[in-house]
N, C-alpha and C. Protein backbone atom coordinates (compact mmCIF):
# COMPACT_ATOMS: atom_id res chain seq x y z
N UNK A 1 0.83 -1.20 0.00
CA UNK A 1 0.00 0.00 0.00
C UNK A 1 0.87 1.26 0.00
N UNK A 2 1.96 1.24 0.79
CA UNK A 2 2.82 2.42 0.87
C UNK A 2 3.42 2.76 -0.47
N UNK A 3 3.73 1.73 -1.28
CA UNK A 3 4.30 2.01 -2.60
C UNK A 3 3.33 2.80 -3.45
N UNK A 4 2.04 2.42 -3.41
CA UNK A 4 1.04 3.16 -4.20
C UNK A 4 0.88 4.59 -3.68
N UNK A 5 0.89 4.76 -2.35
CA UNK A 5 0.77 6.10 -1.79
C UNK A 5 1.97 6.96 -2.18
N UNK A 6 3.15 6.36 -2.21
CA UNK A 6 4.33 7.11 -2.64
C UNK A 6 4.23 7.53 -4.09
N UNK A 7 3.64 6.68 -4.92
CA UNK A 7 3.47 7.02 -6.33
C UNK A 7 2.61 8.27 -6.49
N UNK A 8 1.61 8.40 -5.62
CA UNK A 8 0.71 9.54 -5.72
C UNK A 8 1.37 10.83 -5.26
N UNK A 9 2.26 10.74 -4.24
CA UNK A 9 2.89 11.94 -3.74
C UNK A 9 4.10 12.34 -4.58
N UNK A 10 4.72 11.39 -5.24
CA UNK A 10 5.84 11.70 -6.13
C UNK A 10 5.33 12.30 -7.44
N UNK A 11 6.19 13.08 -8.10
CA UNK A 11 5.82 13.50 -9.45
C UNK A 11 6.05 12.33 -10.39
N UNK A 12 5.51 12.45 -11.62
CA UNK A 12 5.55 11.32 -12.55
C UNK A 12 6.97 10.83 -12.86
N UNK A 13 7.93 11.73 -13.15
CA UNK A 13 9.29 11.25 -13.44
C UNK A 13 9.91 10.48 -12.28
N UNK A 14 9.68 10.95 -11.04
CA UNK A 14 10.24 10.27 -9.88
C UNK A 14 9.60 8.90 -9.68
N UNK A 15 8.27 8.87 -9.79
CA UNK A 15 7.56 7.59 -9.65
C UNK A 15 8.03 6.60 -10.70
N UNK A 16 8.20 7.09 -11.93
CA UNK A 16 8.65 6.21 -13.01
C UNK A 16 10.05 5.68 -12.74
N UNK A 17 10.95 6.54 -12.29
CA UNK A 17 12.32 6.13 -12.02
C UNK A 17 12.35 5.03 -10.96
N UNK A 18 11.51 5.17 -9.93
CA UNK A 18 11.44 4.16 -8.87
C UNK A 18 10.92 2.82 -9.41
N UNK A 19 9.86 2.90 -10.20
CA UNK A 19 9.29 1.68 -10.76
C UNK A 19 10.26 0.99 -11.72
N UNK A 20 10.93 1.78 -12.56
CA UNK A 20 11.86 1.22 -13.53
C UNK A 20 13.05 0.57 -12.83
N UNK A 21 13.52 1.21 -11.77
CA UNK A 21 14.63 0.63 -11.01
C UNK A 21 14.24 -0.74 -10.45
N UNK A 22 13.03 -0.84 -9.92
CA UNK A 22 12.57 -2.13 -9.38
C UNK A 22 12.44 -3.17 -10.49
N UNK A 23 11.92 -2.75 -11.63
CA UNK A 23 11.78 -3.68 -12.74
C UNK A 23 13.12 -4.21 -13.22
N UNK A 24 14.09 -3.30 -13.34
CA UNK A 24 15.40 -3.68 -13.87
C UNK A 24 16.17 -4.58 -12.91
N UNK A 25 15.86 -4.51 -11.62
CA UNK A 25 16.49 -5.42 -10.67
C UNK A 25 16.11 -6.85 -10.97
N UNK A 26 14.84 -7.05 -11.35
CA UNK A 26 14.33 -8.39 -11.61
C UNK A 26 14.53 -8.83 -13.05
N UNK A 27 14.44 -7.86 -13.97
CA UNK A 27 14.47 -8.18 -15.40
C UNK A 27 15.37 -7.18 -16.13
N UNK A 28 16.61 -7.55 -16.40
CA UNK A 28 17.53 -6.61 -17.06
C UNK A 28 17.07 -6.24 -18.46
N UNK A 29 17.46 -5.04 -18.89
CA UNK A 29 17.13 -4.59 -20.23
C UNK A 29 18.00 -5.31 -21.26
N UNK A 30 17.45 -5.49 -22.45
CA UNK A 30 18.20 -6.03 -23.59
C UNK A 30 18.39 -4.88 -24.57
N UNK A 31 19.51 -4.15 -24.48
CA UNK A 31 19.69 -2.90 -25.24
C UNK A 31 19.50 -3.04 -26.74
N UNK A 32 20.00 -4.12 -27.33
CA UNK A 32 19.86 -4.29 -28.78
C UNK A 32 18.39 -4.40 -29.19
N UNK A 33 17.59 -5.04 -28.36
CA UNK A 33 16.18 -5.19 -28.66
C UNK A 33 15.46 -3.85 -28.50
N UNK A 34 15.85 -3.10 -27.47
CA UNK A 34 15.25 -1.77 -27.28
C UNK A 34 15.55 -0.89 -28.48
N UNK A 35 16.80 -0.93 -28.95
CA UNK A 35 17.20 -0.12 -30.10
C UNK A 35 16.45 -0.54 -31.36
N UNK A 36 16.17 -1.82 -31.50
CA UNK A 36 15.49 -2.32 -32.70
C UNK A 36 14.03 -1.85 -32.75
N UNK A 37 13.41 -1.69 -31.58
CA UNK A 37 12.00 -1.29 -31.52
C UNK A 37 11.84 0.22 -31.61
N UNK A 38 12.86 0.96 -31.19
CA UNK A 38 12.75 2.41 -31.08
C UNK A 38 12.35 3.13 -32.38
N UNK A 39 12.85 2.73 -33.57
CA UNK A 39 12.44 3.43 -34.80
C UNK A 39 10.93 3.38 -35.05
N UNK A 40 10.28 2.28 -34.70
CA UNK A 40 8.83 2.18 -34.86
C UNK A 40 8.16 3.18 -33.93
N UNK A 41 8.65 3.26 -32.71
CA UNK A 41 8.11 4.21 -31.73
C UNK A 41 8.34 5.65 -32.20
N UNK A 42 9.52 5.94 -32.72
CA UNK A 42 9.81 7.29 -33.21
C UNK A 42 8.83 7.70 -34.30
N UNK A 43 8.53 6.77 -35.18
CA UNK A 43 7.58 7.07 -36.26
C UNK A 43 6.19 7.37 -35.71
N UNK A 44 5.76 6.61 -34.72
CA UNK A 44 4.46 6.88 -34.11
C UNK A 44 4.43 8.27 -33.48
N UNK A 45 5.50 8.63 -32.79
CA UNK A 45 5.55 9.93 -32.13
C UNK A 45 5.62 11.08 -33.12
N UNK A 46 6.32 10.86 -34.22
CA UNK A 46 6.51 11.92 -35.23
C UNK A 46 5.20 12.36 -35.85
N UNK A 47 4.28 11.42 -36.04
CA UNK A 47 3.05 11.73 -36.77
C UNK A 47 1.82 11.89 -35.87
N UNK A 48 2.05 11.96 -34.56
CA UNK A 48 0.93 12.06 -33.64
C UNK A 48 1.17 13.16 -32.60
N UNK A 49 0.09 13.66 -31.99
CA UNK A 49 0.21 14.79 -31.06
C UNK A 49 0.68 14.40 -29.66
N UNK A 50 1.67 13.53 -29.58
CA UNK A 50 2.24 13.13 -28.30
C UNK A 50 3.44 14.02 -28.04
N UNK A 51 3.37 14.82 -27.01
CA UNK A 51 4.40 15.83 -26.77
C UNK A 51 5.62 15.29 -26.05
N UNK A 52 5.49 14.13 -25.40
CA UNK A 52 6.61 13.59 -24.65
C UNK A 52 7.55 12.76 -25.53
N UNK A 53 8.83 12.76 -25.17
CA UNK A 53 9.81 11.94 -25.90
C UNK A 53 9.78 10.53 -25.30
N UNK A 54 8.75 9.78 -25.65
CA UNK A 54 8.56 8.44 -25.09
C UNK A 54 9.67 7.51 -25.57
N UNK A 55 10.14 6.66 -24.67
CA UNK A 55 11.16 5.67 -25.02
C UNK A 55 10.64 4.28 -24.70
N UNK A 56 11.22 3.28 -25.36
CA UNK A 56 10.82 1.90 -25.12
C UNK A 56 12.00 1.13 -24.54
N UNK A 57 11.74 0.35 -23.52
CA UNK A 57 12.75 -0.52 -22.92
C UNK A 57 12.26 -1.96 -23.04
N UNK A 58 13.05 -2.81 -23.68
CA UNK A 58 12.71 -4.22 -23.79
C UNK A 58 13.46 -4.96 -22.69
N UNK A 59 12.71 -5.64 -21.82
CA UNK A 59 13.31 -6.32 -20.68
C UNK A 59 13.19 -7.84 -20.82
N UNK A 60 14.14 -8.51 -20.20
CA UNK A 60 14.14 -9.97 -20.20
C UNK A 60 13.21 -10.47 -19.11
N UNK A 61 11.92 -10.25 -19.34
CA UNK A 61 10.90 -10.65 -18.36
C UNK A 61 10.47 -12.10 -18.58
N UNK A 62 10.20 -12.83 -17.51
CA UNK A 62 9.73 -14.21 -17.65
C UNK A 62 8.22 -14.26 -17.87
N UNK A 63 7.68 -13.25 -18.53
CA UNK A 63 6.24 -13.20 -18.76
C UNK A 63 5.97 -12.46 -20.07
N UNK A 64 4.79 -12.64 -20.59
CA UNK A 64 4.36 -12.06 -21.86
C UNK A 64 3.63 -10.77 -21.52
N UNK A 65 4.31 -9.60 -21.64
CA UNK A 65 3.68 -8.40 -21.10
C UNK A 65 4.15 -7.13 -21.80
N UNK A 66 3.34 -6.08 -21.62
CA UNK A 66 3.66 -4.73 -22.07
C UNK A 66 3.01 -3.80 -21.07
N UNK A 67 3.69 -2.71 -20.73
CA UNK A 67 3.10 -1.76 -19.79
C UNK A 67 3.66 -0.37 -20.01
N UNK A 68 2.86 0.62 -19.62
CA UNK A 68 3.27 2.01 -19.69
C UNK A 68 3.58 2.48 -18.27
N UNK A 69 4.72 3.13 -18.10
CA UNK A 69 5.08 3.70 -16.81
C UNK A 69 4.51 5.12 -16.73
N UNK A 70 4.54 5.74 -15.54
CA UNK A 70 3.77 6.99 -15.35
C UNK A 70 4.20 8.21 -16.16
N UNK A 71 5.43 8.22 -16.68
CA UNK A 71 5.91 9.45 -17.31
C UNK A 71 6.14 9.33 -18.81
N UNK A 72 7.15 8.57 -19.25
CA UNK A 72 7.46 8.55 -20.68
C UNK A 72 8.10 7.24 -21.14
N UNK A 73 7.90 6.17 -20.40
CA UNK A 73 8.55 4.91 -20.75
C UNK A 73 7.54 3.80 -20.99
N UNK A 74 7.74 3.10 -22.11
CA UNK A 74 6.97 1.90 -22.42
C UNK A 74 7.90 0.71 -22.21
N UNK A 75 7.42 -0.28 -21.49
CA UNK A 75 8.21 -1.48 -21.23
C UNK A 75 7.56 -2.66 -21.96
N UNK A 76 8.38 -3.38 -22.72
CA UNK A 76 7.91 -4.59 -23.40
C UNK A 76 8.76 -5.77 -22.94
N UNK A 77 8.14 -6.92 -22.84
CA UNK A 77 8.92 -8.12 -22.54
C UNK A 77 9.53 -8.65 -23.83
N UNK A 78 10.68 -9.29 -23.68
CA UNK A 78 11.33 -9.89 -24.84
C UNK A 78 10.39 -10.89 -25.52
N UNK A 79 9.61 -11.62 -24.72
CA UNK A 79 8.69 -12.61 -25.29
C UNK A 79 7.69 -11.97 -26.25
N UNK A 80 7.19 -10.79 -25.87
CA UNK A 80 6.20 -10.12 -26.71
C UNK A 80 6.83 -9.59 -27.98
N UNK A 81 8.04 -9.04 -27.87
CA UNK A 81 8.74 -8.54 -29.07
C UNK A 81 9.03 -9.70 -30.02
N UNK A 82 9.46 -10.82 -29.45
CA UNK A 82 9.73 -12.00 -30.27
C UNK A 82 8.45 -12.47 -30.95
N UNK A 83 7.33 -12.40 -30.25
CA UNK A 83 6.04 -12.79 -30.80
C UNK A 83 5.68 -11.95 -32.03
N UNK A 84 6.13 -10.70 -32.04
CA UNK A 84 5.83 -9.79 -33.16
C UNK A 84 7.01 -9.65 -34.13
N UNK A 85 7.98 -10.52 -34.03
CA UNK A 85 9.14 -10.43 -34.92
C UNK A 85 8.70 -10.46 -36.39
N UNK A 86 9.27 -9.55 -37.20
CA UNK A 86 8.96 -9.43 -38.63
C UNK A 86 7.50 -9.05 -38.89
N UNK A 87 6.84 -8.53 -37.87
CA UNK A 87 5.46 -8.05 -38.01
C UNK A 87 5.43 -6.61 -37.49
N UNK A 88 6.02 -5.72 -38.26
CA UNK A 88 6.22 -4.33 -37.82
C UNK A 88 4.91 -3.64 -37.46
N UNK A 89 3.86 -3.86 -38.23
CA UNK A 89 2.59 -3.18 -37.98
C UNK A 89 1.95 -3.66 -36.68
N UNK A 90 2.21 -4.91 -36.32
CA UNK A 90 1.67 -5.42 -35.06
C UNK A 90 2.41 -4.87 -33.85
N UNK A 91 3.75 -4.80 -33.93
CA UNK A 91 4.49 -4.20 -32.81
C UNK A 91 4.18 -2.72 -32.72
N UNK A 92 3.85 -2.09 -33.87
CA UNK A 92 3.46 -0.68 -33.85
C UNK A 92 2.18 -0.50 -33.03
N UNK A 93 1.23 -1.42 -33.18
CA UNK A 93 -0.01 -1.32 -32.40
C UNK A 93 0.26 -1.53 -30.92
N UNK A 94 1.12 -2.49 -30.58
CA UNK A 94 1.47 -2.71 -29.18
C UNK A 94 2.04 -1.43 -28.57
N UNK A 95 3.00 -0.82 -29.27
CA UNK A 95 3.61 0.42 -28.79
C UNK A 95 2.58 1.55 -28.71
N UNK A 96 1.76 1.66 -29.75
CA UNK A 96 0.76 2.74 -29.79
C UNK A 96 -0.24 2.60 -28.65
N UNK A 97 -0.60 1.38 -28.32
CA UNK A 97 -1.54 1.14 -27.22
C UNK A 97 -0.95 1.65 -25.89
N UNK A 98 0.32 1.33 -25.65
CA UNK A 98 0.95 1.78 -24.40
C UNK A 98 1.19 3.28 -24.40
N UNK A 99 1.58 3.84 -25.54
CA UNK A 99 1.73 5.30 -25.65
C UNK A 99 0.39 5.98 -25.38
N UNK A 100 -0.69 5.38 -25.86
CA UNK A 100 -2.03 5.94 -25.64
C UNK A 100 -2.34 6.02 -24.15
N UNK A 101 -1.94 5.01 -23.38
CA UNK A 101 -2.16 5.06 -21.94
C UNK A 101 -1.46 6.27 -21.32
N UNK A 102 -0.24 6.55 -21.77
CA UNK A 102 0.50 7.72 -21.27
C UNK A 102 -0.18 9.01 -21.74
N UNK A 103 -0.50 9.07 -23.02
CA UNK A 103 -1.10 10.26 -23.63
C UNK A 103 -2.45 10.60 -23.00
N UNK A 104 -3.23 9.58 -22.68
CA UNK A 104 -4.58 9.78 -22.12
C UNK A 104 -4.57 9.93 -20.60
N UNK A 105 -3.41 9.82 -19.98
CA UNK A 105 -3.33 9.98 -18.53
C UNK A 105 -3.82 8.80 -17.73
N UNK A 106 -3.90 7.63 -18.36
CA UNK A 106 -4.45 6.47 -17.67
C UNK A 106 -3.58 5.99 -16.52
N UNK A 107 -2.27 6.10 -16.68
CA UNK A 107 -1.38 5.49 -15.70
C UNK A 107 -1.54 6.13 -14.33
N UNK A 108 -1.54 7.45 -14.28
CA UNK A 108 -1.70 8.13 -12.99
C UNK A 108 -3.11 7.91 -12.41
N UNK A 109 -4.12 7.88 -13.29
CA UNK A 109 -5.48 7.60 -12.80
C UNK A 109 -5.54 6.20 -12.19
N UNK A 110 -4.85 5.27 -12.80
CA UNK A 110 -4.86 3.90 -12.30
C UNK A 110 -4.14 3.81 -10.96
N UNK A 111 -3.07 4.60 -10.80
CA UNK A 111 -2.38 4.63 -9.52
C UNK A 111 -3.33 5.05 -8.39
N UNK A 112 -4.14 6.08 -8.66
CA UNK A 112 -5.10 6.55 -7.66
C UNK A 112 -6.11 5.47 -7.33
N UNK A 113 -6.63 4.82 -8.37
CA UNK A 113 -7.63 3.77 -8.14
C UNK A 113 -7.03 2.61 -7.36
N UNK A 114 -5.79 2.24 -7.67
CA UNK A 114 -5.14 1.15 -6.97
C UNK A 114 -4.91 1.48 -5.49
N UNK A 115 -4.68 2.76 -5.20
CA UNK A 115 -4.52 3.17 -3.82
C UNK A 115 -5.81 2.94 -3.05
N UNK A 116 -6.93 3.31 -3.66
CA UNK A 116 -8.23 3.09 -3.04
C UNK A 116 -8.45 1.59 -2.83
N UNK A 117 -8.09 0.79 -3.84
CA UNK A 117 -8.26 -0.65 -3.72
C UNK A 117 -7.39 -1.24 -2.60
N UNK A 118 -6.19 -0.65 -2.42
CA UNK A 118 -5.29 -1.16 -1.39
C UNK A 118 -5.80 -0.84 0.01
N UNK A 119 -6.44 0.30 0.16
CA UNK A 119 -6.92 0.74 1.47
C UNK A 119 -8.24 0.05 1.85
N UNK A 120 -9.12 -0.14 0.90
CA UNK A 120 -10.46 -0.65 1.18
C UNK A 120 -10.49 -1.98 1.92
N UNK A 121 -9.67 -2.99 1.56
CA UNK A 121 -9.76 -4.28 2.24
C UNK A 121 -9.40 -4.21 3.72
N UNK A 122 -8.63 -3.20 4.13
CA UNK A 122 -8.25 -3.08 5.54
C UNK A 122 -9.49 -2.90 6.40
N UNK A 123 -10.42 -2.08 5.95
CA UNK A 123 -11.64 -1.81 6.71
C UNK A 123 -12.67 -2.91 6.52
N UNK A 124 -12.77 -3.43 5.30
CA UNK A 124 -13.81 -4.41 5.00
C UNK A 124 -13.33 -5.30 3.86
N UNK A 125 -12.78 -6.48 4.16
CA UNK A 125 -12.24 -7.35 3.10
C UNK A 125 -13.25 -7.69 2.01
N UNK A 126 -14.51 -7.92 2.38
CA UNK A 126 -15.52 -8.26 1.39
C UNK A 126 -15.77 -7.09 0.45
N UNK A 127 -15.85 -5.89 1.03
CA UNK A 127 -16.02 -4.69 0.22
C UNK A 127 -14.83 -4.51 -0.71
N UNK A 128 -13.64 -4.77 -0.17
CA UNK A 128 -12.44 -4.64 -0.99
C UNK A 128 -12.47 -5.56 -2.19
N UNK A 129 -12.92 -6.80 -2.00
CA UNK A 129 -13.02 -7.75 -3.11
C UNK A 129 -14.02 -7.27 -4.15
N UNK A 130 -15.14 -6.73 -3.68
CA UNK A 130 -16.15 -6.23 -4.61
C UNK A 130 -15.66 -5.05 -5.40
N UNK A 131 -14.96 -4.13 -4.73
CA UNK A 131 -14.42 -2.96 -5.42
C UNK A 131 -13.37 -3.37 -6.45
N UNK A 132 -12.51 -4.32 -6.08
CA UNK A 132 -11.48 -4.79 -7.01
C UNK A 132 -12.13 -5.39 -8.26
N UNK A 133 -13.18 -6.18 -8.06
CA UNK A 133 -13.87 -6.79 -9.20
C UNK A 133 -14.44 -5.71 -10.12
N UNK A 134 -15.11 -4.70 -9.51
CA UNK A 134 -15.68 -3.62 -10.31
C UNK A 134 -14.60 -2.83 -11.04
N UNK A 135 -13.49 -2.59 -10.35
CA UNK A 135 -12.38 -1.86 -10.95
C UNK A 135 -11.84 -2.59 -12.18
N UNK A 136 -11.58 -3.90 -12.04
CA UNK A 136 -11.04 -4.68 -13.15
C UNK A 136 -12.03 -4.78 -14.31
N UNK A 137 -13.32 -4.92 -13.97
CA UNK A 137 -14.32 -5.14 -15.00
C UNK A 137 -14.74 -3.85 -15.71
N UNK A 138 -14.70 -2.74 -15.01
CA UNK A 138 -15.23 -1.50 -15.59
C UNK A 138 -14.14 -0.48 -15.83
N UNK A 139 -13.54 0.01 -14.76
CA UNK A 139 -12.60 1.13 -14.89
C UNK A 139 -11.39 0.77 -15.75
N UNK A 140 -10.68 -0.29 -15.37
CA UNK A 140 -9.48 -0.68 -16.11
C UNK A 140 -9.81 -1.07 -17.54
N UNK A 141 -10.84 -1.87 -17.72
CA UNK A 141 -11.17 -2.37 -19.05
C UNK A 141 -11.70 -1.26 -19.96
N UNK A 142 -12.37 -0.29 -19.38
CA UNK A 142 -12.81 0.85 -20.17
C UNK A 142 -11.60 1.61 -20.69
N UNK A 143 -10.58 1.72 -19.88
CA UNK A 143 -9.34 2.37 -20.33
C UNK A 143 -8.70 1.59 -21.47
N UNK A 144 -8.79 0.27 -21.41
CA UNK A 144 -8.21 -0.54 -22.48
C UNK A 144 -8.93 -0.31 -23.81
N UNK A 145 -10.25 -0.23 -23.77
CA UNK A 145 -11.00 0.09 -24.99
C UNK A 145 -10.58 1.46 -25.53
N UNK A 146 -10.47 2.42 -24.62
CA UNK A 146 -10.10 3.78 -25.04
C UNK A 146 -8.69 3.79 -25.64
N UNK A 147 -7.77 3.06 -25.02
CA UNK A 147 -6.40 2.99 -25.53
C UNK A 147 -6.35 2.29 -26.89
N UNK A 148 -7.14 1.24 -27.08
CA UNK A 148 -7.20 0.57 -28.38
C UNK A 148 -7.63 1.54 -29.47
N UNK A 149 -8.69 2.29 -29.19
CA UNK A 149 -9.23 3.22 -30.18
C UNK A 149 -8.21 4.31 -30.53
N UNK A 150 -7.54 4.82 -29.51
CA UNK A 150 -6.52 5.84 -29.72
C UNK A 150 -5.33 5.25 -30.47
N UNK A 151 -4.95 4.02 -30.13
CA UNK A 151 -3.78 3.39 -30.74
C UNK A 151 -3.97 3.14 -32.23
N UNK A 152 -5.14 2.69 -32.61
CA UNK A 152 -5.33 2.43 -34.03
C UNK A 152 -5.24 3.73 -34.84
N UNK A 153 -5.70 4.84 -34.26
CA UNK A 153 -5.59 6.13 -34.93
C UNK A 153 -4.15 6.61 -34.98
N UNK A 154 -3.40 6.36 -33.91
CA UNK A 154 -1.97 6.67 -33.94
C UNK A 154 -1.29 5.92 -35.08
N UNK A 155 -1.65 4.64 -35.23
CA UNK A 155 -1.04 3.81 -36.28
C UNK A 155 -1.40 4.33 -37.67
N UNK A 156 -2.66 4.69 -37.86
CA UNK A 156 -3.11 5.20 -39.16
C UNK A 156 -2.32 6.44 -39.54
N UNK A 157 -2.19 7.39 -38.61
CA UNK A 157 -1.48 8.64 -38.91
C UNK A 157 -0.02 8.39 -39.25
N UNK A 158 0.57 7.36 -38.65
CA UNK A 158 1.98 7.08 -38.88
C UNK A 158 2.21 6.15 -40.07
N UNK A 159 1.13 5.76 -40.73
CA UNK A 159 1.27 4.94 -41.94
C UNK A 159 1.35 3.45 -41.69
N UNK A 160 0.99 3.00 -40.51
CA UNK A 160 0.96 1.56 -40.22
C UNK A 160 -0.44 1.02 -40.52
N UNK A 161 -0.52 -0.25 -40.84
CA UNK A 161 -1.79 -0.89 -41.19
C UNK A 161 -2.66 -1.05 -39.95
N UNK A 162 -3.82 -0.39 -39.90
CA UNK A 162 -4.68 -0.52 -38.70
C UNK A 162 -5.25 -1.93 -38.53
N UNK A 163 -5.37 -2.67 -39.62
CA UNK A 163 -5.89 -4.04 -39.54
C UNK A 163 -4.95 -4.95 -38.75
N UNK A 164 -3.68 -4.53 -38.63
CA UNK A 164 -2.72 -5.35 -37.87
C UNK A 164 -3.12 -5.46 -36.41
N UNK A 165 -3.87 -4.47 -35.91
CA UNK A 165 -4.33 -4.54 -34.52
C UNK A 165 -5.24 -5.74 -34.33
N UNK A 166 -6.10 -5.99 -35.29
CA UNK A 166 -7.02 -7.12 -35.20
C UNK A 166 -6.27 -8.44 -35.34
N UNK A 167 -5.35 -8.48 -36.29
CA UNK A 167 -4.55 -9.69 -36.49
C UNK A 167 -3.79 -10.04 -35.22
N UNK A 168 -3.19 -9.03 -34.58
CA UNK A 168 -2.44 -9.26 -33.35
C UNK A 168 -3.35 -9.81 -32.25
N UNK A 169 -4.49 -9.18 -32.05
CA UNK A 169 -5.39 -9.63 -30.99
C UNK A 169 -5.89 -11.05 -31.25
N UNK A 170 -6.16 -11.36 -32.50
CA UNK A 170 -6.60 -12.72 -32.82
C UNK A 170 -5.49 -13.73 -32.56
N UNK A 171 -4.25 -13.34 -32.84
CA UNK A 171 -3.11 -14.22 -32.53
C UNK A 171 -2.99 -14.40 -31.01
N UNK A 172 -3.16 -13.30 -30.27
CA UNK A 172 -3.08 -13.39 -28.82
C UNK A 172 -4.18 -14.28 -28.25
N UNK A 173 -5.32 -14.27 -28.91
CA UNK A 173 -6.44 -15.08 -28.44
C UNK A 173 -6.36 -16.53 -28.86
N UNK A 174 -5.39 -16.84 -29.72
CA UNK A 174 -5.23 -18.22 -30.18
C UNK A 174 -4.21 -18.94 -29.30
N UNK A 175 -3.72 -20.05 -29.75
CA UNK A 175 -2.74 -20.82 -28.97
C UNK A 175 -1.32 -20.56 -29.43
N UNK A 176 -1.09 -19.50 -30.22
CA UNK A 176 0.25 -19.25 -30.74
C UNK A 176 1.30 -18.97 -29.68
N UNK A 177 1.03 -18.12 -28.66
CA UNK A 177 2.08 -17.83 -27.69
C UNK A 177 2.49 -19.07 -26.92
N UNK A 178 3.74 -19.13 -26.43
CA UNK A 178 4.20 -20.31 -25.70
C UNK A 178 3.44 -20.51 -24.40
N UNK A 179 2.97 -21.73 -24.18
CA UNK A 179 2.29 -22.06 -22.93
C UNK A 179 1.10 -21.17 -22.65
N UNK A 180 0.95 -20.80 -21.38
CA UNK A 180 -0.14 -19.92 -20.97
C UNK A 180 0.36 -18.51 -20.67
N UNK A 181 1.54 -18.14 -21.23
CA UNK A 181 2.15 -16.86 -20.90
C UNK A 181 1.28 -15.68 -21.30
N UNK A 182 0.45 -15.85 -22.32
CA UNK A 182 -0.38 -14.75 -22.79
C UNK A 182 -1.44 -14.34 -21.78
N UNK A 183 -1.78 -15.24 -20.85
CA UNK A 183 -2.84 -14.90 -19.89
C UNK A 183 -2.51 -13.67 -19.07
N UNK A 184 -1.23 -13.43 -18.84
CA UNK A 184 -0.85 -12.30 -18.00
C UNK A 184 -1.13 -10.97 -18.70
N UNK A 185 -0.90 -10.89 -20.01
CA UNK A 185 -1.13 -9.63 -20.71
C UNK A 185 -2.62 -9.38 -20.91
N UNK A 186 -3.43 -10.43 -20.86
CA UNK A 186 -4.86 -10.28 -21.09
C UNK A 186 -5.66 -10.21 -19.78
N UNK A 187 -5.01 -10.41 -18.65
CA UNK A 187 -5.73 -10.56 -17.38
C UNK A 187 -6.62 -9.38 -17.05
N UNK A 188 -6.14 -8.15 -17.25
CA UNK A 188 -6.95 -6.98 -16.91
C UNK A 188 -7.55 -6.32 -18.14
N UNK A 189 -7.43 -6.97 -19.28
CA UNK A 189 -7.98 -6.42 -20.52
C UNK A 189 -9.36 -7.01 -20.78
N UNK A 190 -10.17 -6.31 -21.56
CA UNK A 190 -11.45 -6.90 -21.95
C UNK A 190 -11.20 -8.15 -22.78
N UNK A 191 -12.18 -9.06 -22.86
CA UNK A 191 -12.00 -10.25 -23.69
C UNK A 191 -11.59 -9.87 -25.11
N UNK A 192 -10.72 -10.68 -25.70
CA UNK A 192 -10.20 -10.39 -27.05
C UNK A 192 -11.34 -10.18 -28.04
N UNK A 193 -12.37 -11.01 -27.95
CA UNK A 193 -13.49 -10.90 -28.90
C UNK A 193 -14.11 -9.51 -28.84
N UNK A 194 -14.29 -8.98 -27.63
CA UNK A 194 -14.88 -7.63 -27.50
C UNK A 194 -13.96 -6.56 -28.07
N UNK A 195 -12.67 -6.72 -27.84
CA UNK A 195 -11.72 -5.74 -28.37
C UNK A 195 -11.69 -5.77 -29.90
N UNK A 196 -11.74 -6.97 -30.46
CA UNK A 196 -11.74 -7.11 -31.92
C UNK A 196 -12.99 -6.48 -32.52
N UNK A 197 -14.15 -6.72 -31.90
CA UNK A 197 -15.40 -6.13 -32.39
C UNK A 197 -15.32 -4.62 -32.37
N UNK A 198 -14.82 -4.06 -31.27
CA UNK A 198 -14.72 -2.60 -31.17
C UNK A 198 -13.77 -2.04 -32.22
N UNK A 199 -12.64 -2.70 -32.40
CA UNK A 199 -11.67 -2.21 -33.38
C UNK A 199 -12.20 -2.33 -34.80
N UNK A 200 -12.88 -3.44 -35.11
CA UNK A 200 -13.46 -3.59 -36.45
C UNK A 200 -14.45 -2.46 -36.73
N UNK A 201 -15.27 -2.13 -35.73
CA UNK A 201 -16.24 -1.05 -35.89
C UNK A 201 -15.54 0.29 -36.11
N UNK A 202 -14.50 0.55 -35.31
CA UNK A 202 -13.78 1.82 -35.41
C UNK A 202 -13.07 1.93 -36.75
N UNK A 203 -12.44 0.85 -37.20
CA UNK A 203 -11.71 0.87 -38.48
C UNK A 203 -12.68 1.02 -39.64
N UNK A 204 -13.82 0.32 -39.55
CA UNK A 204 -14.83 0.44 -40.62
C UNK A 204 -15.34 1.88 -40.70
N UNK A 205 -15.59 2.49 -39.55
CA UNK A 205 -16.05 3.88 -39.52
C UNK A 205 -15.01 4.81 -40.12
N UNK A 206 -13.76 4.57 -39.80
CA UNK A 206 -12.67 5.40 -40.36
C UNK A 206 -12.59 5.25 -41.87
N UNK A 207 -12.68 4.01 -42.35
CA UNK A 207 -12.60 3.77 -43.79
C UNK A 207 -13.79 4.39 -44.52
N UNK A 208 -14.96 4.29 -43.92
CA UNK A 208 -16.16 4.88 -44.52
C UNK A 208 -16.02 6.40 -44.63
N UNK A 209 -15.49 6.99 -43.57
CA UNK A 209 -15.28 8.44 -43.57
C UNK A 209 -14.30 8.87 -44.63
N UNK A 210 -13.24 8.09 -44.84
CA UNK A 210 -12.26 8.42 -45.87
C UNK A 210 -12.84 8.25 -47.26
N UNK A 211 -13.70 7.23 -47.44
CA UNK A 211 -14.30 6.99 -48.73
C UNK A 211 -15.22 8.15 -49.14
N UNK A 212 -15.95 8.69 -48.15
CA UNK A 212 -16.88 9.79 -48.43
C UNK A 212 -16.13 11.09 -48.77
N UNK A 213 -14.97 11.26 -48.12
CA UNK A 213 -14.21 12.48 -48.37
C UNK A 213 -13.38 12.35 -49.64
């Protein structure tokens, strides 16, 4: 609980530095992989209204994951980058999704919500469980839908194929990833089917708008 409270009292750069330090203790960075992903991220930033100089760090994590830190860093696991090897448009969507969380202010909002979740069980464990369930099902997942929608538009502006977002999600929902490692990246996300439906609708609407213009 104290870690979450410290995140709220620290400014974003300080909170991020603390989180990154903890991550790197457990999972060292793979510099060559970070450098390989960075050009895709640069292209996304160049063509979109993201004012921060976001950077990507690829870590040797024993899990299939991607996350945005509070200030300007996107962290990807080596497993996820390997999963998108030679699929530039798909890794572009992964990066765009995490950049969207930073751009939309989701990370700091989530820190606040997690603080409430950490405090609630102390007074009433049953209430805490109920609040956590509502948070995962509504608040967090709503942010994921919002980040998906923003990410596909980031990709479009940067010249990446928006359909790659759907292909990636369908791959994630299949048995392609090794073992059950994919469950960790999907744990707090809406079901893949719902995300695909939303993205198909958004992409169709975008294409229709372009056709009319």
